[in-house]
N, C-alpha and C. Protein backbone atom coordinates (compact mmCIF):
# COMPACT_ATOMS: atom_id res chain seq x y z
N MET A 1 6.19 -28.84 54.11
CA MET A 1 6.94 -29.96 53.61
C MET A 1 6.10 -31.22 53.72
N PRO A 2 6.15 -32.04 52.71
CA PRO A 2 5.36 -33.26 52.79
C PRO A 2 5.92 -34.20 53.85
N VAL A 3 5.04 -34.70 54.68
CA VAL A 3 5.42 -35.66 55.71
C VAL A 3 5.22 -37.05 55.11
N PRO A 4 6.24 -37.91 55.20
CA PRO A 4 6.08 -39.26 54.66
C PRO A 4 4.86 -39.96 55.28
N ALA A 5 4.20 -40.78 54.46
CA ALA A 5 2.97 -41.45 54.90
C ALA A 5 3.19 -42.30 56.15
N TYR A 6 4.35 -42.97 56.26
CA TYR A 6 4.58 -43.81 57.44
C TYR A 6 4.72 -42.97 58.71
N VAL A 7 5.24 -41.73 58.59
CA VAL A 7 5.34 -40.85 59.75
C VAL A 7 3.94 -40.36 60.13
N THR A 8 3.12 -40.05 59.14
CA THR A 8 1.74 -39.63 59.40
C THR A 8 0.98 -40.73 60.13
N ARG A 9 1.18 -42.00 59.71
CA ARG A 9 0.52 -43.12 60.39
C ARG A 9 0.99 -43.27 61.82
N LEU A 10 2.29 -43.10 62.05
CA LEU A 10 2.82 -43.16 63.42
C LEU A 10 2.24 -42.04 64.28
N ARG A 11 2.17 -40.83 63.73
CA ARG A 11 1.64 -39.69 64.47
C ARG A 11 0.18 -39.91 64.85
N ALA A 12 -0.56 -40.65 64.04
CA ALA A 12 -1.97 -40.95 64.38
C ALA A 12 -2.05 -41.74 65.68
N HIS A 13 -1.01 -42.49 66.00
CA HIS A 13 -1.00 -43.30 67.23
C HIS A 13 -0.37 -42.57 68.42
N ILE A 14 0.67 -41.77 68.15
CA ILE A 14 1.41 -41.18 69.27
C ILE A 14 1.21 -39.68 69.43
N GLY A 15 0.46 -39.08 68.53
CA GLY A 15 0.25 -37.63 68.63
C GLY A 15 1.54 -36.87 68.44
N HIS A 16 1.79 -35.88 69.31
CA HIS A 16 2.97 -35.03 69.19
C HIS A 16 4.17 -35.58 69.96
N ASP A 17 4.03 -36.74 70.62
CA ASP A 17 5.11 -37.30 71.44
C ASP A 17 6.37 -37.55 70.61
N LEU A 18 7.48 -37.72 71.31
CA LEU A 18 8.79 -37.93 70.70
C LEU A 18 8.77 -39.09 69.72
N LEU A 19 9.35 -38.85 68.56
CA LEU A 19 9.51 -39.85 67.52
C LEU A 19 10.97 -39.82 67.07
N LEU A 20 11.66 -40.95 67.13
CA LEU A 20 13.04 -41.06 66.68
C LEU A 20 13.02 -41.48 65.22
N LEU A 21 13.70 -40.68 64.37
CA LEU A 21 13.68 -40.92 62.93
C LEU A 21 15.10 -40.90 62.36
N PRO A 22 15.34 -41.68 61.30
CA PRO A 22 16.65 -41.62 60.64
C PRO A 22 16.68 -40.44 59.66
N GLY A 23 17.77 -39.68 59.70
CA GLY A 23 17.90 -38.53 58.81
C GLY A 23 19.28 -38.47 58.19
N VAL A 24 19.37 -37.70 57.11
CA VAL A 24 20.64 -37.48 56.42
C VAL A 24 20.76 -36.00 56.07
N SER A 25 22.00 -35.56 55.91
CA SER A 25 22.30 -34.21 55.45
C SER A 25 23.43 -34.30 54.44
N GLY A 26 23.41 -33.40 53.46
CA GLY A 26 24.48 -33.34 52.48
C GLY A 26 25.22 -32.01 52.55
N VAL A 27 26.50 -32.07 52.88
CA VAL A 27 27.35 -30.87 52.82
C VAL A 27 28.05 -30.95 51.47
N VAL A 28 27.54 -30.19 50.52
CA VAL A 28 28.02 -30.25 49.14
C VAL A 28 29.03 -29.12 48.94
N ARG A 29 30.24 -29.50 48.52
CA ARG A 29 31.31 -28.54 48.28
C ARG A 29 31.76 -28.68 46.83
N ASP A 30 31.83 -27.54 46.13
CA ASP A 30 32.30 -27.57 44.74
C ASP A 30 33.82 -27.48 44.70
N ASP A 31 34.40 -27.46 43.49
CA ASP A 31 35.86 -27.43 43.34
C ASP A 31 36.48 -26.18 43.95
N ALA A 32 35.72 -25.09 44.04
CA ALA A 32 36.21 -23.85 44.63
C ALA A 32 36.05 -23.84 46.16
N GLY A 33 35.47 -24.90 46.72
CA GLY A 33 35.28 -24.98 48.16
C GLY A 33 33.99 -24.35 48.65
N ARG A 34 33.17 -23.84 47.72
CA ARG A 34 31.90 -23.23 48.12
C ARG A 34 30.94 -24.31 48.62
N VAL A 35 30.02 -23.87 49.49
CA VAL A 35 29.06 -24.77 50.11
C VAL A 35 27.68 -24.50 49.52
N LEU A 36 26.96 -25.55 49.17
CA LEU A 36 25.59 -25.44 48.67
C LEU A 36 24.64 -25.36 49.84
N LEU A 37 23.85 -24.27 49.90
CA LEU A 37 22.88 -24.10 50.97
C LEU A 37 21.50 -23.89 50.38
N ALA A 38 20.49 -24.23 51.15
CA ALA A 38 19.10 -24.01 50.76
C ALA A 38 18.40 -23.28 51.89
N ARG A 39 17.56 -22.33 51.53
CA ARG A 39 16.72 -21.66 52.53
C ARG A 39 15.50 -22.54 52.74
N ARG A 40 15.30 -22.98 53.98
CA ARG A 40 14.23 -23.92 54.30
C ARG A 40 12.85 -23.28 54.12
N GLY A 41 11.94 -24.07 53.59
CA GLY A 41 10.57 -23.59 53.40
C GLY A 41 9.78 -23.51 54.69
N ASP A 42 10.15 -24.27 55.73
CA ASP A 42 9.37 -24.29 56.96
C ASP A 42 9.73 -23.16 57.92
N ASN A 43 10.99 -22.73 57.94
CA ASN A 43 11.37 -21.70 58.91
C ASN A 43 12.16 -20.54 58.30
N GLY A 44 12.46 -20.61 57.01
CA GLY A 44 13.16 -19.51 56.34
C GLY A 44 14.64 -19.43 56.62
N ARG A 45 15.19 -20.39 57.35
CA ARG A 45 16.62 -20.36 57.68
C ARG A 45 17.44 -21.06 56.59
N TRP A 46 18.66 -20.58 56.41
CA TRP A 46 19.60 -21.24 55.51
C TRP A 46 20.16 -22.48 56.22
N SER A 47 20.35 -23.56 55.46
CA SER A 47 20.90 -24.78 56.01
C SER A 47 21.42 -25.66 54.88
N VAL A 48 22.05 -26.76 55.26
CA VAL A 48 22.45 -27.75 54.26
C VAL A 48 21.23 -28.60 53.93
N PRO A 49 21.15 -29.13 52.72
CA PRO A 49 20.00 -29.99 52.37
C PRO A 49 19.96 -31.22 53.28
N ALA A 50 18.75 -31.58 53.70
CA ALA A 50 18.59 -32.69 54.64
C ALA A 50 17.20 -33.29 54.51
N GLY A 51 17.04 -34.49 55.04
CA GLY A 51 15.73 -35.13 55.01
C GLY A 51 15.72 -36.47 55.70
N ILE A 52 14.59 -37.13 55.61
CA ILE A 52 14.36 -38.42 56.26
C ILE A 52 14.74 -39.56 55.31
N VAL A 53 15.32 -40.60 55.89
CA VAL A 53 15.61 -41.82 55.15
C VAL A 53 14.31 -42.61 55.05
N ASP A 54 13.93 -42.96 53.84
CA ASP A 54 12.71 -43.75 53.64
C ASP A 54 12.94 -45.21 54.04
N PRO A 55 11.88 -45.92 54.45
CA PRO A 55 12.03 -47.34 54.77
C PRO A 55 12.67 -48.09 53.61
N GLY A 56 13.68 -48.90 53.93
CA GLY A 56 14.37 -49.70 52.92
C GLY A 56 15.44 -48.95 52.14
N GLU A 57 15.61 -47.67 52.40
CA GLU A 57 16.58 -46.84 51.68
C GLU A 57 17.88 -46.74 52.48
N GLN A 58 19.00 -46.81 51.82
CA GLN A 58 20.28 -46.63 52.47
C GLN A 58 20.56 -45.13 52.65
N PRO A 59 21.25 -44.73 53.72
CA PRO A 59 21.51 -43.31 53.95
C PRO A 59 22.20 -42.60 52.78
N ALA A 60 23.18 -43.23 52.14
CA ALA A 60 23.86 -42.58 51.01
C ALA A 60 22.89 -42.34 49.85
N ASP A 61 21.99 -43.28 49.60
CA ASP A 61 20.98 -43.07 48.56
C ASP A 61 20.03 -41.95 48.95
N ALA A 62 19.68 -41.90 50.23
CA ALA A 62 18.76 -40.86 50.71
C ALA A 62 19.36 -39.47 50.56
N VAL A 63 20.65 -39.31 50.86
CA VAL A 63 21.24 -37.97 50.75
C VAL A 63 21.33 -37.54 49.28
N VAL A 64 21.64 -38.45 48.39
CA VAL A 64 21.67 -38.11 46.96
C VAL A 64 20.27 -37.65 46.51
N ARG A 65 19.24 -38.38 46.93
CA ARG A 65 17.86 -38.03 46.59
C ARG A 65 17.47 -36.69 47.19
N GLU A 66 17.71 -36.50 48.49
CA GLU A 66 17.30 -35.28 49.18
C GLU A 66 17.98 -34.03 48.60
N VAL A 67 19.29 -34.11 48.35
CA VAL A 67 19.99 -32.95 47.79
C VAL A 67 19.39 -32.59 46.44
N PHE A 68 19.14 -33.58 45.59
CA PHE A 68 18.56 -33.28 44.27
C PHE A 68 17.15 -32.71 44.40
N GLU A 69 16.31 -33.32 45.24
CA GLU A 69 14.93 -32.83 45.40
C GLU A 69 14.90 -31.38 45.87
N GLU A 70 15.75 -31.03 46.83
CA GLU A 70 15.70 -29.70 47.44
C GLU A 70 16.47 -28.63 46.68
N THR A 71 17.50 -29.06 45.89
CA THR A 71 18.37 -28.05 45.26
C THR A 71 18.52 -28.17 43.75
N GLY A 72 18.14 -29.30 43.16
CA GLY A 72 18.34 -29.50 41.73
C GLY A 72 19.76 -29.92 41.38
N VAL A 73 20.64 -30.08 42.37
CA VAL A 73 22.03 -30.44 42.13
C VAL A 73 22.20 -31.95 42.38
N ARG A 74 22.84 -32.61 41.41
CA ARG A 74 23.15 -34.03 41.55
C ARG A 74 24.52 -34.15 42.21
N VAL A 75 24.64 -35.11 43.14
CA VAL A 75 25.89 -35.22 43.90
C VAL A 75 26.42 -36.64 43.91
N ARG A 76 27.70 -36.70 44.23
CA ARG A 76 28.40 -37.95 44.50
C ARG A 76 28.83 -37.88 45.96
N VAL A 77 28.59 -38.94 46.71
CA VAL A 77 29.00 -39.00 48.11
C VAL A 77 30.49 -39.28 48.16
N GLU A 78 31.22 -38.43 48.92
CA GLU A 78 32.67 -38.62 49.08
C GLU A 78 33.00 -39.36 50.37
N ARG A 79 32.33 -39.01 51.46
CA ARG A 79 32.61 -39.66 52.73
C ARG A 79 31.55 -39.28 53.74
N VAL A 80 31.52 -40.02 54.84
CA VAL A 80 30.66 -39.65 55.97
C VAL A 80 31.35 -38.51 56.71
N GLY A 81 30.60 -37.44 56.95
CA GLY A 81 31.15 -36.30 57.69
C GLY A 81 30.98 -36.46 59.18
N GLY A 82 29.84 -37.03 59.59
CA GLY A 82 29.59 -37.19 61.01
C GLY A 82 28.26 -37.86 61.26
N VAL A 83 28.02 -38.12 62.54
CA VAL A 83 26.78 -38.74 62.96
C VAL A 83 26.43 -38.23 64.35
N ALA A 84 25.17 -37.87 64.54
CA ALA A 84 24.71 -37.38 65.85
C ALA A 84 23.20 -37.41 65.88
N THR A 85 22.65 -37.42 67.08
CA THR A 85 21.21 -37.21 67.20
C THR A 85 20.97 -35.72 67.27
N HIS A 86 19.85 -35.31 66.70
CA HIS A 86 19.52 -33.89 66.63
C HIS A 86 18.04 -33.71 66.94
N PRO A 87 17.72 -33.05 68.05
CA PRO A 87 16.31 -32.86 68.42
C PRO A 87 15.67 -31.70 67.67
N VAL A 88 14.38 -31.85 67.37
CA VAL A 88 13.61 -30.80 66.68
C VAL A 88 12.21 -30.76 67.28
N VAL A 89 11.71 -29.56 67.48
CA VAL A 89 10.31 -29.36 67.85
C VAL A 89 9.69 -28.53 66.73
N TYR A 90 8.68 -29.08 66.07
CA TYR A 90 8.05 -28.39 64.95
C TYR A 90 6.98 -27.43 65.44
N PRO A 91 6.63 -26.43 64.61
CA PRO A 91 5.62 -25.44 65.02
C PRO A 91 4.28 -26.04 65.44
N ASN A 92 3.93 -27.22 64.88
CA ASN A 92 2.65 -27.85 65.24
C ASN A 92 2.73 -28.64 66.55
N GLY A 93 3.93 -28.65 67.19
CA GLY A 93 4.10 -29.36 68.45
C GLY A 93 4.71 -30.74 68.32
N ASP A 94 4.88 -31.25 67.11
CA ASP A 94 5.52 -32.55 66.92
C ASP A 94 6.95 -32.49 67.43
N VAL A 95 7.34 -33.50 68.21
CA VAL A 95 8.69 -33.60 68.73
C VAL A 95 9.38 -34.78 68.05
N CYS A 96 10.56 -34.51 67.47
CA CYS A 96 11.34 -35.55 66.81
C CYS A 96 12.77 -35.48 67.28
N GLU A 97 13.43 -36.59 67.19
CA GLU A 97 14.87 -36.63 67.35
C GLU A 97 15.39 -37.44 66.17
N TYR A 98 16.26 -36.80 65.38
CA TYR A 98 16.79 -37.44 64.19
C TYR A 98 18.16 -38.03 64.49
N LEU A 99 18.36 -39.28 64.14
CA LEU A 99 19.69 -39.84 64.11
C LEU A 99 20.22 -39.48 62.73
N ASN A 100 21.03 -38.43 62.68
CA ASN A 100 21.45 -37.85 61.41
C ASN A 100 22.86 -38.29 61.04
N VAL A 101 23.00 -38.75 59.81
CA VAL A 101 24.30 -39.03 59.22
C VAL A 101 24.51 -37.97 58.16
N TRP A 102 25.58 -37.18 58.31
CA TRP A 102 25.84 -36.20 57.26
C TRP A 102 27.04 -36.62 56.44
N PHE A 103 26.94 -36.29 55.16
CA PHE A 103 27.92 -36.71 54.17
C PHE A 103 28.56 -35.49 53.52
N ARG A 104 29.85 -35.59 53.24
CA ARG A 104 30.51 -34.63 52.38
C ARG A 104 30.25 -35.12 50.96
N CYS A 105 29.74 -34.22 50.12
CA CYS A 105 29.38 -34.58 48.75
C CYS A 105 30.02 -33.61 47.77
N ALA A 106 30.14 -34.06 46.52
CA ALA A 106 30.64 -33.23 45.44
C ALA A 106 29.56 -33.14 44.37
N PRO A 107 29.36 -31.97 43.76
CA PRO A 107 28.37 -31.85 42.70
C PRO A 107 28.86 -32.55 41.43
N VAL A 108 27.93 -33.21 40.74
CA VAL A 108 28.28 -33.89 39.48
C VAL A 108 27.33 -33.50 38.35
N GLY A 109 26.38 -32.60 38.61
CA GLY A 109 25.46 -32.17 37.56
C GLY A 109 24.28 -31.41 38.13
N GLY A 110 23.40 -31.03 37.23
CA GLY A 110 22.20 -30.30 37.64
C GLY A 110 22.48 -28.82 37.79
N GLU A 111 21.43 -28.07 38.00
CA GLU A 111 21.50 -26.62 38.19
C GLU A 111 20.80 -26.27 39.48
N PRO A 112 21.42 -25.41 40.31
CA PRO A 112 20.77 -25.02 41.56
C PRO A 112 19.42 -24.35 41.31
N ARG A 113 18.41 -24.82 42.01
CA ARG A 113 17.07 -24.24 41.95
C ARG A 113 16.30 -24.69 43.18
N ALA A 114 15.46 -23.81 43.67
CA ALA A 114 14.62 -24.15 44.82
C ALA A 114 13.43 -24.96 44.34
N ASP A 115 12.95 -25.86 45.20
CA ASP A 115 11.77 -26.65 44.82
C ASP A 115 10.46 -25.94 45.16
N GLY A 116 10.54 -24.82 45.90
CA GLY A 116 9.35 -24.04 46.24
C GLY A 116 8.57 -24.58 47.42
N ASP A 117 8.97 -25.70 47.96
CA ASP A 117 8.30 -26.29 49.11
C ASP A 117 9.31 -26.47 50.25
N GLU A 118 10.20 -27.43 50.11
CA GLU A 118 11.22 -27.65 51.13
C GLU A 118 12.30 -26.57 51.08
N SER A 119 12.52 -25.98 49.92
CA SER A 119 13.50 -24.91 49.78
C SER A 119 12.88 -23.75 48.99
N THR A 120 13.20 -22.53 49.43
CA THR A 120 12.69 -21.34 48.74
C THR A 120 13.79 -20.58 48.01
N GLU A 121 15.04 -20.83 48.36
CA GLU A 121 16.21 -20.29 47.68
C GLU A 121 17.32 -21.32 47.80
N VAL A 122 18.21 -21.31 46.80
CA VAL A 122 19.37 -22.19 46.80
C VAL A 122 20.56 -21.39 46.29
N GLY A 123 21.71 -21.59 46.89
CA GLY A 123 22.89 -20.88 46.40
C GLY A 123 24.19 -21.49 46.88
N TRP A 124 25.26 -21.11 46.19
CA TRP A 124 26.62 -21.51 46.55
C TRP A 124 27.23 -20.38 47.35
N PHE A 125 27.90 -20.71 48.45
CA PHE A 125 28.49 -19.70 49.33
C PHE A 125 29.93 -20.07 49.66
N ALA A 126 30.81 -19.06 49.61
CA ALA A 126 32.19 -19.25 50.05
C ALA A 126 32.18 -19.49 51.56
N PRO A 127 33.07 -20.35 52.06
CA PRO A 127 33.09 -20.63 53.50
C PRO A 127 33.25 -19.39 54.38
N ASP A 128 33.91 -18.37 53.87
CA ASP A 128 34.09 -17.15 54.67
C ASP A 128 33.00 -16.11 54.41
N ASP A 129 31.97 -16.49 53.65
CA ASP A 129 30.87 -15.57 53.34
C ASP A 129 29.52 -16.28 53.43
N LEU A 130 29.37 -17.12 54.46
CA LEU A 130 28.13 -17.86 54.64
C LEU A 130 27.06 -16.96 55.24
N PRO A 131 25.79 -17.18 54.90
CA PRO A 131 24.72 -16.44 55.56
C PRO A 131 24.61 -16.88 57.02
N GLU A 132 23.73 -16.25 57.78
CA GLU A 132 23.54 -16.63 59.17
C GLU A 132 23.06 -18.08 59.23
N LEU A 133 23.73 -18.88 60.05
CA LEU A 133 23.41 -20.30 60.21
C LEU A 133 23.29 -20.64 61.68
N ASP A 134 22.45 -21.63 61.99
CA ASP A 134 22.38 -22.08 63.38
C ASP A 134 23.56 -23.01 63.66
N GLU A 135 23.74 -23.36 64.93
CA GLU A 135 24.88 -24.18 65.33
C GLU A 135 24.86 -25.57 64.69
N TRP A 136 23.68 -26.10 64.45
CA TRP A 136 23.55 -27.43 63.85
C TRP A 136 24.08 -27.42 62.42
N ALA A 137 23.70 -26.42 61.62
CA ALA A 137 24.21 -26.32 60.25
C ALA A 137 25.72 -26.09 60.28
N ARG A 138 26.16 -25.22 61.17
CA ARG A 138 27.58 -24.88 61.27
C ARG A 138 28.41 -26.13 61.64
N LEU A 139 27.92 -26.97 62.55
CA LEU A 139 28.63 -28.18 62.92
C LEU A 139 28.85 -29.08 61.70
N ARG A 140 27.81 -29.29 60.93
CA ARG A 140 27.92 -30.18 59.77
C ARG A 140 28.87 -29.62 58.71
N ILE A 141 28.84 -28.31 58.52
CA ILE A 141 29.75 -27.69 57.56
C ILE A 141 31.18 -27.74 58.06
N ASP A 142 31.40 -27.33 59.30
CA ASP A 142 32.75 -27.26 59.86
C ASP A 142 33.44 -28.62 59.90
N THR A 143 32.69 -29.68 60.12
CA THR A 143 33.29 -31.02 60.22
C THR A 143 33.63 -31.61 58.86
N THR A 144 33.29 -30.91 57.78
CA THR A 144 33.60 -31.41 56.44
C THR A 144 34.53 -30.46 55.68
N LEU A 145 35.13 -29.49 56.37
CA LEU A 145 36.02 -28.54 55.71
C LEU A 145 37.17 -29.24 54.99
N ARG A 146 37.83 -30.13 55.69
CA ARG A 146 38.97 -30.85 55.11
C ARG A 146 38.49 -32.15 54.48
N GLU A 147 39.01 -32.45 53.30
CA GLU A 147 38.64 -33.70 52.64
C GLU A 147 39.01 -34.92 53.46
N ASP A 148 40.10 -34.83 54.23
CA ASP A 148 40.60 -35.98 54.97
C ASP A 148 40.22 -35.95 56.45
N ALA A 149 39.28 -35.10 56.81
CA ALA A 149 38.89 -34.99 58.22
C ALA A 149 38.26 -36.31 58.69
N PRO A 150 38.48 -36.67 59.94
CA PRO A 150 37.83 -37.89 60.46
C PRO A 150 36.33 -37.68 60.60
N THR A 151 35.60 -38.78 60.64
CA THR A 151 34.16 -38.71 60.86
C THR A 151 33.91 -38.13 62.25
N TRP A 152 33.03 -37.13 62.34
CA TRP A 152 32.76 -36.48 63.61
C TRP A 152 31.66 -37.23 64.36
N HIS A 153 31.80 -37.28 65.68
CA HIS A 153 30.74 -37.76 66.57
C HIS A 153 30.99 -37.14 67.92
N ALA A 154 29.96 -36.99 68.69
CA ALA A 154 30.11 -36.51 70.07
C ALA A 154 30.80 -37.60 70.87
N LEU A 155 31.73 -37.18 71.70
CA LEU A 155 32.40 -38.14 72.58
C LEU A 155 31.44 -38.56 73.68
N PRO A 156 31.64 -39.73 74.28
CA PRO A 156 30.76 -40.14 75.38
C PRO A 156 30.68 -39.05 76.45
N GLY A 157 29.48 -38.67 76.78
CA GLY A 157 29.25 -37.64 77.79
C GLY A 157 29.32 -36.22 77.28
N GLU A 158 29.75 -36.02 76.04
CA GLU A 158 29.86 -34.66 75.49
C GLU A 158 28.48 -34.09 75.19
N ARG A 159 28.27 -32.85 75.53
CA ARG A 159 27.01 -32.16 75.26
C ARG A 159 27.30 -30.98 74.35
N HIS A 160 27.50 -31.26 73.07
CA HIS A 160 27.82 -30.21 72.10
C HIS A 160 26.65 -29.24 72.00
N PRO A 161 26.92 -27.93 71.97
CA PRO A 161 25.82 -26.95 71.94
C PRO A 161 24.90 -27.09 70.72
N ALA A 162 25.40 -27.61 69.61
CA ALA A 162 24.57 -27.76 68.41
C ALA A 162 23.53 -28.86 68.56
N LEU A 163 23.68 -29.70 69.58
CA LEU A 163 22.81 -30.86 69.72
C LEU A 163 21.78 -30.71 70.82
N ARG A 164 21.60 -29.51 71.34
CA ARG A 164 20.61 -29.28 72.39
C ARG A 164 19.20 -29.19 71.79
N ARG A 165 18.20 -29.40 72.62
CA ARG A 165 16.82 -29.33 72.17
C ARG A 165 16.43 -27.86 71.94
N PRO A 166 15.94 -27.55 70.74
CA PRO A 166 15.53 -26.18 70.46
C PRO A 166 14.15 -25.90 71.04
N ASP A 167 13.81 -24.62 71.15
CA ASP A 167 12.45 -24.26 71.57
C ASP A 167 11.45 -24.68 70.52
N ALA A 168 11.73 -24.36 69.28
CA ALA A 168 10.90 -24.75 68.13
C ALA A 168 11.59 -24.29 66.87
N LEU A 169 11.19 -24.89 65.76
CA LEU A 169 11.73 -24.45 64.46
C LEU A 169 11.27 -23.03 64.27
């Protein structure tokens, strides 16, 4: 996956040390309630489309861009699904913690297709027939099941299992 130039410049100074970055995720649900998932190019796991917010970009704009880049599907943001920090350790040793805002989105155009880099497969899945997902993907999907669900966040002192530091991608 291409690393944004500003992250590459930061890494030149800090090496593999912890870097806090803004991130977004899109939980896209069609009229039938199916969820749009992409198989990640870096680890082969199914997940919701996600990415980094570029400098000067608003999170809602970033999620619209990221979903389209990774899946070919154009979306409309319906609401904020939740917000949490999410730790990641990449195979090269880079350590990041993303302040992730996830959005419930609706498709408004485009055709599902993998980009061949960030995503290798893309598909629509019924909520009761999802492929194997990690707890982080499951949290974002589960918190957007209902259209009127409140915005999710960890309560003060809560240590949700989906938010623990992984061994590595």
